[in-house]
Amino acid sequence: MNIQITEAVGRTTSLAIVNSRGAVLIPAGFELSEKVIEALIKQGIESVEVLESNENDVIAEIMQKKIDRIEHLFYPYDSLKMNELKTCLINQTLNS
């Protein structure tokens, strides 16, 4: 669902928000706060794609993709410290 950026406080992005050069400003699955929206407005962002309130399955899928990405990045490393870091990142992802 595409809505005006000024109406997006507390909503969760369904797609990444990118600037005019294609650089990702906000990833998909990110809850938009007032401060973030203010920064996006300064970047010239006028509207965003957000999840509809009944899209819990989509949110779960986005979270799983984030976890899968972390697992992929840490796959080649098998040390105690790297596993601790991976666990910390996954916990942070789940609690955000």
PDB file of N, CA and C in Angstrom:
ATOM      1  N   MET A   1       0.844  -1.158   0.000  1.00  0.00           N
ATOM      2  CA  MET A   1       0.000   0.000   0.000  1.00  0.00           C
ATOM      3  C   MET A   1       0.902   1.238   0.000  1.00  0.00           C
ATOM      4  N   ASN A   2       0.696   2.110  -0.942  1.00  0.00           N
ATOM      5  CA  ASN A   2       1.482   3.335  -1.054  1.00  0.00           C
ATOM      6  C   ASN A   2       0.747   4.462  -0.338  1.00  0.00           C
ATOM      7  N   ILE A   3       1.449   5.127   0.601  1.00  0.00           N
ATOM      8  CA  ILE A   3       0.848   6.241   1.333  1.00  0.00           C
ATOM      9  C   ILE A   3       1.821   7.416   1.373  1.00  0.00           C
ATOM     10  N   GLN A   4       1.288   8.592   1.679  1.00  0.00           N
ATOM     11  CA  GLN A   4       2.118   9.778   1.838  1.00  0.00           C
ATOM     12  C   GLN A   4       3.050   9.597   3.027  1.00  0.00           C
ATOM     13  N   ILE A   5       4.263  10.073   2.907  1.00  0.00           N
ATOM     14  CA  ILE A   5       5.269   9.910   3.964  1.00  0.00           C
ATOM     15  C   ILE A   5       4.779  10.509   5.284  1.00  0.00           C
ATOM     16  N   THR A   6       4.023  11.588   5.223  1.00  0.00           N
ATOM     17  CA  THR A   6       3.545  12.246   6.443  1.00  0.00           C
ATOM     18  C   THR A   6       2.522  11.409   7.195  1.00  0.00           C
ATOM     19  N   GLU A   7       1.958  10.395   6.551  1.00  0.00           N
ATOM     20  CA  GLU A   7       0.958   9.533   7.181  1.00  0.00           C
ATOM     21  C   GLU A   7       1.555   8.197   7.640  1.00  0.00           C
ATOM     22  N   ALA A   8       2.875   8.056   7.560  1.00  0.00           N
ATOM     23  CA  ALA A   8       3.512   6.755   7.755  1.00  0.00           C
ATOM     24  C   ALA A   8       4.077   6.513   9.150  1.00  0.00           C
ATOM     25  N   VAL A   9       3.878   7.408  10.090  1.00  0.00           N
ATOM     26  CA  VAL A   9       4.422   7.217  11.442  1.00  0.00           C
ATOM     27  C   VAL A   9       3.878   5.923  12.047  1.00  0.00           C
ATOM     28  N   GLY A  10       4.796   5.076  12.518  1.00  0.00           N
ATOM     29  CA  GLY A  10       4.409   3.826  13.150  1.00  0.00           C
ATOM     30  C   GLY A  10       4.121   2.692  12.181  1.00  0.00           C
ATOM     31  N   ARG A  11       4.160   2.964  10.889  1.00  0.00           N
ATOM     32  CA  ARG A  11       3.889   1.937   9.886  1.00  0.00           C
ATOM     33  C   ARG A  11       5.187   1.214   9.549  1.00  0.00           C
ATOM     34  N   THR A  12       5.057   0.023   8.971  1.00  0.00           N
ATOM     35  CA  THR A  12       6.205  -0.806   8.601  1.00  0.00           C
ATOM     36  C   THR A  12       6.352  -0.819   7.090  1.00  0.00           C
ATOM     37  N   THR A  13       7.567  -0.569   6.615  1.00  0.00           N
ATOM     38  CA  THR A  13       7.810  -0.542   5.175  1.00  0.00           C
ATOM     39  C   THR A  13       7.663  -1.939   4.582  1.00  0.00           C
ATOM     40  N   SER A  14       7.037  -2.012   3.416  1.00  0.00           N
ATOM     41  CA  SER A  14       6.917  -3.300   2.727  1.00  0.00           C
ATOM     42  C   SER A  14       8.007  -3.452   1.674  1.00  0.00           C
ATOM     43  N   LEU A  15       8.572  -2.337   1.250  1.00  0.00           N
ATOM     44  CA  LEU A  15       9.692  -2.323   0.310  1.00  0.00           C
ATOM     45  C   LEU A  15      10.773  -1.408   0.871  1.00  0.00           C
ATOM     46  N   ALA A  16      11.988  -1.601   0.408  1.00  0.00           N
ATOM     47  CA  ALA A  16      13.068  -0.691   0.807  1.00  0.00           C
ATOM     48  C   ALA A  16      12.770   0.706   0.258  1.00  0.00           C
ATOM     49  N   ILE A  17      13.161   1.706   1.008  1.00  0.00           N
ATOM     50  CA  ILE A  17      13.039   3.090   0.546  1.00  0.00           C
ATOM     51  C   ILE A  17      14.402   3.493   0.005  1.00  0.00           C
ATOM     52  N   VAL A  18      14.422   3.949  -1.234  1.00  0.00           N
ATOM     53  CA  VAL A  18      15.683   4.306  -1.880  1.00  0.00           C
ATOM     54  C   VAL A  18      15.665   5.773  -2.281  1.00  0.00           C
ATOM     55  N   ASN A  19      16.867   6.347  -2.386  1.00  0.00           N
ATOM     56  CA  ASN A  19      16.954   7.731  -2.834  1.00  0.00           C
ATOM     57  C   ASN A  19      16.981   7.781  -4.360  1.00  0.00           C
ATOM     58  N   SER A  20      17.152   8.962  -4.914  1.00  0.00           N
ATOM     59  CA  SER A  20      17.111   9.137  -6.366  1.00  0.00           C
ATOM     60  C   SER A  20      18.233   8.397  -7.096  1.00  0.00           C
ATOM     61  N   ARG A  21      19.281   8.040  -6.384  1.00  0.00           N
ATOM     62  CA  ARG A  21      20.397   7.294  -6.997  1.00  0.00           C
ATOM     63  C   ARG A  21      20.281   5.784  -6.776  1.00  0.00           C
ATOM     64  N   GLY A  22      19.226   5.374  -6.095  1.00  0.00           N
ATOM     65  CA  GLY A  22      19.009   3.950  -5.866  1.00  0.00           C
ATOM     66  C   GLY A  22      19.637   3.408  -4.596  1.00  0.00           C
ATOM     67  N   ALA A  23      20.238   4.262  -3.802  1.00  0.00           N
ATOM     68  CA  ALA A  23      20.837   3.817  -2.538  1.00  0.00           C
ATOM     69  C   ALA A  23      19.726   3.565  -1.517  1.00  0.00           C
ATOM     70  N   VAL A  24      19.834   2.456  -0.801  1.00  0.00           N
ATOM     71  CA  VAL A  24      18.822   2.113   0.189  1.00  0.00           C
ATOM     72  C   VAL A  24      18.960   3.018   1.412  1.00  0.00           C
ATOM     73  N   LEU A  25      17.875   3.714   1.716  1.00  0.00           N
ATOM     74  CA  LEU A  25      17.832   4.568   2.903  1.00  0.00           C
ATOM     75  C   LEU A  25      17.239   3.811   4.085  1.00  0.00           C
ATOM     76  N   ILE A  26      16.188   3.038   3.817  1.00  0.00           N
ATOM     77  CA  ILE A  26      15.485   2.271   4.842  1.00  0.00           C
ATOM     78  C   ILE A  26      15.164   0.896   4.245  1.00  0.00           C
ATOM     79  N   PRO A  27      15.468  -0.182   4.958  1.00  0.00           N
ATOM     80  CA  PRO A  27      15.169  -1.513   4.416  1.00  0.00           C
ATOM     81  C   PRO A  27      13.685  -1.865   4.555  1.00  0.00           C
ATOM     82  N   ALA A  28      13.260  -2.865   3.837  1.00  0.00           N
ATOM     83  CA  ALA A  28      11.910  -3.397   4.004  1.00  0.00           C
ATOM     84  C   ALA A  28      11.783  -3.965   5.414  1.00  0.00           C
ATOM     85  N   GLY A  29      10.599  -3.853   5.994  1.00  0.00           N
ATOM     86  CA  GLY A  29      10.369  -4.385   7.334  1.00  0.00           C
ATOM     87  C   GLY A  29      10.757  -3.442   8.451  1.00  0.00           C
ATOM     88  N   PHE A  30      10.980  -2.176   8.141  1.00  0.00           N
ATOM     89  CA  PHE A  30      11.429  -1.191   9.115  1.00  0.00           C
ATOM     90  C   PHE A  30      10.235  -0.364   9.593  1.00  0.00           C
ATOM     91  N   GLU A  31      10.097  -0.218  10.915  1.00  0.00           N
ATOM     92  CA  GLU A  31       9.019   0.612  11.450  1.00  0.00           C
ATOM     93  C   GLU A  31       9.450   2.074  11.431  1.00  0.00           C
ATOM     94  N   LEU A  32       8.637   2.909  10.820  1.00  0.00           N
ATOM     95  CA  LEU A  32       8.973   4.318  10.611  1.00  0.00           C
ATOM     96  C   LEU A  32       8.586   5.169  11.820  1.00  0.00           C
ATOM     97  N   SER A  33       9.568   5.863  12.375  1.00  0.00           N
ATOM     98  CA  SER A  33       9.332   6.775  13.496  1.00  0.00           C
ATOM     99  C   SER A  33       9.238   8.203  12.963  1.00  0.00           C
ATOM    100  N   GLU A  34       8.843   9.128  13.823  1.00  0.00           N
ATOM    101  CA  GLU A  34       8.753  10.531  13.419  1.00  0.00           C
ATOM    102  C   GLU A  34      10.111  11.065  12.964  1.00  0.00           C
ATOM    103  N   LYS A  35      11.177  10.730  13.707  1.00  0.00           N
ATOM    104  CA  LYS A  35      12.510  11.222  13.358  1.00  0.00           C
ATOM    105  C   LYS A  35      12.963  10.681  12.004  1.00  0.00           C
ATOM    106  N   VAL A  36      12.691   9.409  11.752  1.00  0.00           N
ATOM    107  CA  VAL A  36      13.074   8.804  10.475  1.00  0.00           C
ATOM    108  C   VAL A  36      12.302   9.466   9.339  1.00  0.00           C
ATOM    109  N   ILE A  37      11.019   9.704   9.559  1.00  0.00           N
ATOM    110  CA  ILE A  37      10.199  10.345   8.528  1.00  0.00           C
ATOM    111  C   ILE A  37      10.698  11.753   8.239  1.00  0.00           C
ATOM    112  N   GLU A  38      11.066  12.492   9.261  1.00  0.00           N
ATOM    113  CA  GLU A  38      11.621  13.832   9.062  1.00  0.00           C
ATOM    114  C   GLU A  38      12.872  13.764   8.187  1.00  0.00           C
ATOM    115  N   ALA A  39      13.736  12.788   8.465  1.00  0.00           N
ATOM    116  CA  ALA A  39      14.957  12.634   7.672  1.00  0.00           C
ATOM    117  C   ALA A  39      14.631  12.252   6.225  1.00  0.00           C
ATOM    118  N   LEU A  40      13.638  11.391   6.040  1.00  0.00           N
ATOM    119  CA  LEU A  40      13.250  10.990   4.692  1.00  0.00           C
ATOM    120  C   LEU A  40      12.671  12.163   3.902  1.00  0.00           C
ATOM    121  N   ILE A  41      11.891  12.997   4.563  1.00  0.00           N
ATOM    122  CA  ILE A  41      11.343  14.182   3.907  1.00  0.00           C
ATOM    123  C   ILE A  41      12.479  15.084   3.438  1.00  0.00           C
ATOM    124  N   LYS A  42      13.508  15.240   4.254  1.00  0.00           N
ATOM    125  CA  LYS A  42      14.670  16.045   3.870  1.00  0.00           C
ATOM    126  C   LYS A  42      15.387  15.451   2.656  1.00  0.00           C
ATOM    127  N   GLN A  43      15.255  14.137   2.474  1.00  0.00           N
ATOM    128  CA  GLN A  43      15.863  13.449   1.321  1.00  0.00           C
ATOM    129  C   GLN A  43      14.963  13.523   0.081  1.00  0.00           C
ATOM    130  N   GLY A  44      13.813  14.154   0.229  1.00  0.00           N
ATOM    131  CA  GLY A  44      12.904  14.303  -0.904  1.00  0.00           C
ATOM    132  C   GLY A  44      11.929  13.152  -1.097  1.00  0.00           C
ATOM    133  N   ILE A  45      11.802  12.289  -0.108  1.00  0.00           N
ATOM    134  CA  ILE A  45      10.873  11.164  -0.193  1.00  0.00           C
ATOM    135  C   ILE A  45       9.460  11.684   0.115  1.00  0.00           C
ATOM    136  N   GLU A  46       8.516  11.424  -0.784  1.00  0.00           N
ATOM    137  CA  GLU A  46       7.154  11.924  -0.622  1.00  0.00           C
ATOM    138  C   GLU A  46       6.155  10.835  -0.248  1.00  0.00           C
ATOM    139  N   SER A  47       6.419   9.593  -0.675  1.00  0.00           N
ATOM    140  CA  SER A  47       5.502   8.500  -0.364  1.00  0.00           C
ATOM    141  C   SER A  47       6.298   7.223  -0.135  1.00  0.00           C
ATOM    142  N   VAL A  48       5.670   6.267   0.543  1.00  0.00           N
ATOM    143  CA  VAL A  48       6.333   5.000   0.862  1.00  0.00           C
ATOM    144  C   VAL A  48       5.346   3.853   0.714  1.00  0.00           C
ATOM    145  N   GLU A  49       5.902   2.665   0.483  1.00  0.00           N
ATOM    146  CA  GLU A  49       5.109   1.443   0.466  1.00  0.00           C
ATOM    147  C   GLU A  49       5.149   0.853   1.874  1.00  0.00           C
ATOM    148  N   VAL A  50       3.987   0.665   2.467  1.00  0.00           N
ATOM    149  CA  VAL A  50       3.907   0.123   3.824  1.00  0.00           C
ATOM    150  C   VAL A  50       3.020  -1.115   3.832  1.00  0.00           C
ATOM    151  N   LEU A  51       3.201  -1.917   4.864  1.00  0.00           N
ATOM    152  CA  LEU A  51       2.370  -3.100   5.047  1.00  0.00           C
ATOM    153  C   LEU A  51       0.983  -2.676   5.510  1.00  0.00           C
ATOM    154  N   GLU A  52      -0.009  -3.410   5.085  1.00  0.00           N
ATOM    155  CA  GLU A  52      -1.342  -3.194   5.629  1.00  0.00           C
ATOM    156  C   GLU A  52      -1.361  -3.832   7.006  1.00  0.00           C
ATOM    157  N   SER A  53      -2.245  -3.398   7.855  1.00  0.00           N
ATOM    158  CA  SER A  53      -2.237  -3.838   9.247  1.00  0.00           C
ATOM    159  C   SER A  53      -2.423  -5.339   9.419  1.00  0.00           C
ATOM    160  N   ASN A  54      -3.005  -6.028   8.450  1.00  0.00           N
ATOM    161  CA  ASN A  54      -3.238  -7.463   8.576  1.00  0.00           C
ATOM    162  C   ASN A  54      -2.184  -8.297   7.849  1.00  0.00           C
ATOM    163  N   GLU A  55      -1.033  -7.759   7.622  1.00  0.00           N
ATOM    164  CA  GLU A  55       0.000  -8.450   6.872  1.00  0.00           C
ATOM    165  C   GLU A  55       1.070  -9.056   7.779  1.00  0.00           C
ATOM    166  N   ASN A  56       0.656  -9.701   8.859  1.00  0.00           N
ATOM    167  CA  ASN A  56       1.605 -10.297   9.799  1.00  0.00           C
ATOM    168  C   ASN A  56       2.467 -11.365   9.142  1.00  0.00           C
ATOM    169  N   ASP A  57       1.899 -12.082   8.181  1.00  0.00           N
ATOM    170  CA  ASP A  57       2.674 -13.103   7.482  1.00  0.00           C
ATOM    171  C   ASP A  57       3.821 -12.470   6.701  1.00  0.00           C
ATOM    172  N   VAL A  58       3.570 -11.306   6.130  1.00  0.00           N
ATOM    173  CA  VAL A  58       4.610 -10.608   5.379  1.00  0.00           C
ATOM    174  C   VAL A  58       5.716 -10.153   6.325  1.00  0.00           C
ATOM    175  N   ILE A  59       5.333  -9.663   7.480  1.00  0.00           N
ATOM    176  CA  ILE A  59       6.320  -9.233   8.473  1.00  0.00           C
ATOM    177  C   ILE A  59       7.186 -10.419   8.887  1.00  0.00           C
ATOM    178  N   ALA A  60       6.554 -11.555   9.143  1.00  0.00           N
ATOM    179  CA  ALA A  60       7.307 -12.748   9.533  1.00  0.00           C
ATOM    180  C   ALA A  60       8.259 -13.171   8.416  1.00  0.00           C
ATOM    181  N   GLU A  61       7.807 -13.058   7.176  1.00  0.00           N
ATOM    182  CA  GLU A  61       8.657 -13.417   6.037  1.00  0.00           C
ATOM    183  C   GLU A  61       9.860 -12.477   5.929  1.00  0.00           C
ATOM    184  N   ILE A  62       9.633 -11.192   6.145  1.00  0.00           N
ATOM    185  CA  ILE A  62      10.730 -10.216   6.102  1.00  0.00           C
ATOM    186  C   ILE A  62      11.740 -10.517   7.208  1.00  0.00           C
ATOM    187  N   MET A  63      11.245 -10.816   8.404  1.00  0.00           N
ATOM    188  CA  MET A  63      12.150 -11.139   9.512  1.00  0.00           C
ATOM    189  C   MET A  63      12.962 -12.390   9.188  1.00  0.00           C
ATOM    190  N   GLN A  64      12.320 -13.396   8.606  1.00  0.00           N
ATOM    191  CA  GLN A  64      13.026 -14.619   8.261  1.00  0.00           C
ATOM    192  C   GLN A  64      14.096 -14.353   7.206  1.00  0.00           C
ATOM    193  N   LYS A  65      13.789 -13.492   6.248  1.00  0.00           N
ATOM    194  CA  LYS A  65      14.789 -13.142   5.223  1.00  0.00           C
ATOM    195  C   LYS A  65      15.994 -12.449   5.858  1.00  0.00           C
ATOM    196  N   LYS A  66      15.744 -11.592   6.834  1.00  0.00           N
ATOM    197  CA  LYS A  66      16.844 -10.918   7.525  1.00  0.00           C
ATOM    198  C   LYS A  66      17.710 -11.937   8.268  1.00  0.00           C
ATOM    199  N   ILE A  67      17.062 -12.875   8.949  1.00  0.00           N
ATOM    200  CA  ILE A  67      17.798 -13.907   9.687  1.00  0.00           C
ATOM    201  C   ILE A  67      18.578 -14.794   8.721  1.00  0.00           C
ATOM    202  N   ASP A  68      17.933 -15.168   7.622  1.00  0.00           N
ATOM    203  CA  ASP A  68      18.622 -15.986   6.615  1.00  0.00           C
ATOM    204  C   ASP A  68      19.854 -15.269   6.075  1.00  0.00           C
ATOM    205  N   ARG A  69      19.748 -13.965   5.885  1.00  0.00           N
ATOM    206  CA  ARG A  69      20.891 -13.178   5.382  1.00  0.00           C
ATOM    207  C   ARG A  69      22.033 -13.180   6.399  1.00  0.00           C
ATOM    208  N   ILE A  70      21.707 -13.020   7.657  1.00  0.00           N
ATOM    209  CA  ILE A  70      22.735 -13.054   8.706  1.00  0.00           C
ATOM    210  C   ILE A  70      23.397 -14.432   8.729  1.00  0.00           C
ATOM    211  N   GLU A  71      22.581 -15.488   8.670  1.00  0.00           N
ATOM    212  CA  GLU A  71      23.127 -16.857   8.644  1.00  0.00           C
ATOM    213  C   GLU A  71      24.065 -17.033   7.447  1.00  0.00           C
ATOM    214  N   HIS A  72      23.662 -16.521   6.295  1.00  0.00           N
ATOM    215  CA  HIS A  72      24.490 -16.636   5.087  1.00  0.00           C
ATOM    216  C   HIS A  72      25.827 -15.906   5.254  1.00  0.00           C
ATOM    217  N   LEU A  73      25.782 -14.716   5.821  1.00  0.00           N
ATOM    218  CA  LEU A  73      27.011 -13.934   5.995  1.00  0.00           C
ATOM    219  C   LEU A  73      27.990 -14.593   6.957  1.00  0.00           C
ATOM    220  N   PHE A  74      27.469 -15.310   7.941  1.00  0.00           N
ATOM    221  CA  PHE A  74      28.329 -15.932   8.947  1.00  0.00           C
ATOM    222  C   PHE A  74      28.642 -17.391   8.656  1.00  0.00           C
ATOM    223  N   TYR A  75      28.087 -17.937   7.571  1.00  0.00           N
ATOM    224  CA  TYR A  75      28.280 -19.352   7.250  1.00  0.00           C
ATOM    225  C   TYR A  75      29.758 -19.774   7.195  1.00  0.00           C
ATOM    226  N   PRO A  76      30.639 -18.987   6.570  1.00  0.00           N
ATOM    227  CA  PRO A  76      32.034 -19.446   6.457  1.00  0.00           C
ATOM    228  C   PRO A  76      32.818 -19.429   7.775  1.00  0.00           C
ATOM    229  N   TYR A  77      32.268 -18.784   8.798  1.00  0.00           N
ATOM    230  CA  TYR A  77      33.011 -18.602  10.037  1.00  0.00           C
ATOM    231  C   TYR A  77      32.486 -19.552  11.116  1.00  0.00           C
ATOM    232  N   ASP A  78      33.392 -20.247  11.766  1.00  0.00           N
ATOM    233  CA  ASP A  78      32.988 -21.189  12.802  1.00  0.00           C
ATOM    234  C   ASP A  78      33.887 -21.026  14.025  1.00  0.00           C
ATOM    235  N   SER A  79      33.707 -19.889  14.673  1.00  0.00           N
ATOM    236  CA  SER A  79      34.445 -19.665  15.909  1.00  0.00           C
ATOM    237  C   SER A  79      33.461 -19.185  16.970  1.00  0.00           C
ATOM    238  N   LEU A  80      33.849 -19.304  18.214  1.00  0.00           N
ATOM    239  CA  LEU A  80      32.981 -18.914  19.316  1.00  0.00           C
ATOM    240  C   LEU A  80      32.589 -17.438  19.214  1.00  0.00           C
ATOM    241  N   LYS A  81      33.549 -16.571  18.953  1.00  0.00           N
ATOM    242  CA  LYS A  81      33.278 -15.131  18.885  1.00  0.00           C
ATOM    243  C   LYS A  81      32.340 -14.790  17.736  1.00  0.00           C
ATOM    244  N   MET A  82      32.562 -15.418  16.575  1.00  0.00           N
ATOM    245  CA  MET A  82      31.705 -15.145  15.429  1.00  0.00           C
ATOM    246  C   MET A  82      30.287 -15.667  15.680  1.00  0.00           C
ATOM    247  N   ASN A  83      30.165 -16.809  16.346  1.00  0.00           N
ATOM    248  CA  ASN A  83      28.840 -17.333  16.673  1.00  0.00           C
ATOM    249  C   ASN A  83      28.128 -16.435  17.679  1.00  0.00           C
ATOM    250  N   GLU A  84      28.876 -15.871  18.622  1.00  0.00           N
ATOM    251  CA  GLU A  84      28.294 -14.931  19.577  1.00  0.00           C
ATOM    252  C   GLU A  84      27.799 -13.669  18.860  1.00  0.00           C
ATOM    253  N   LEU A  85      28.602 -13.179  17.930  1.00  0.00           N
ATOM    254  CA  LEU A  85      28.215 -11.997  17.164  1.00  0.00           C
ATOM    255  C   LEU A  85      26.974 -12.288  16.317  1.00  0.00           C
ATOM    256  N   LYS A  86      26.955 -13.443  15.655  1.00  0.00           N
ATOM    257  CA  LYS A  86      25.801 -13.831  14.844  1.00  0.00           C
ATOM    258  C   LYS A  86      24.549 -13.906  15.713  1.00  0.00           C
ATOM    259  N   THR A  87      24.647 -14.528  16.881  1.00  0.00           N
ATOM    260  CA  THR A  87      23.507 -14.645  17.782  1.00  0.00           C
ATOM    261  C   THR A  87      23.027 -13.279  18.230  1.00  0.00           C
ATOM    262  N   CYS A  88      23.959 -12.398  18.524  1.00  0.00           N
ATOM    263  CA  CYS A  88      23.621 -11.029  18.937  1.00  0.00           C
ATOM    264  C   CYS A  88      22.858 -10.305  17.812  1.00  0.00           C
ATOM    265  N   LEU A  89      23.333 -10.428  16.583  1.00  0.00           N
ATOM    266  CA  LEU A  89      22.672  -9.779  15.445  1.00  0.00           C
ATOM    267  C   LEU A  89      21.269 -10.345  15.215  1.00  0.00           C
ATOM    268  N   ILE A  90      21.130 -11.637  15.329  1.00  0.00           N
ATOM    269  CA  ILE A  90      19.806 -12.252  15.148  1.00  0.00           C
ATOM    270  C   ILE A  90      18.861 -11.793  16.249  1.00  0.00           C
ATOM    271  N   ASN A  91      19.335 -11.763  17.483  1.00  0.00           N
ATOM    272  CA  ASN A  91      18.490 -11.283  18.585  1.00  0.00           C
ATOM    273  C   ASN A  91      18.086  -9.843  18.386  1.00  0.00           C
ATOM    274  N   GLN A  92      19.013  -9.021  17.927  1.00  0.00           N
ATOM    275  CA  GLN A  92      18.704  -7.607  17.656  1.00  0.00           C
ATOM    276  C   GLN A  92      17.656  -7.500  16.560  1.00  0.00           C
ATOM    277  N   THR A  93      17.772  -8.308  15.542  1.00  0.00           N
ATOM    278  CA  THR A  93      16.803  -8.318  14.439  1.00  0.00           C
ATOM    279  C   THR A  93      15.422  -8.717  14.952  1.00  0.00           C
ATOM    280  N   LEU A  94      15.354  -9.730  15.776  1.00  0.00           N
ATOM    281  CA  LEU A  94      14.078 -10.214  16.286  1.00  0.00           C
ATOM    282  C   LEU A  94      13.431  -9.220  17.247  1.00  0.00           C
ATOM    283  N   ASN A  95      14.238  -8.432  17.927  1.00  0.00           N
ATOM    284  CA  ASN A  95      13.706  -7.492  18.918  1.00  0.00           C
ATOM    285  C   ASN A  95      13.501  -6.091  18.387  1.00  0.00           C
ATOM    286  N   SER A  96      13.763  -5.892  17.102  1.00  0.00           N
ATOM    287  CA  SER A  96      13.600  -4.537  16.542  1.00  0.00           C
ATOM    288  C   SER A  96      12.235  -4.353  15.939  1.00  0.00           C
TER     289      SER A  96
END
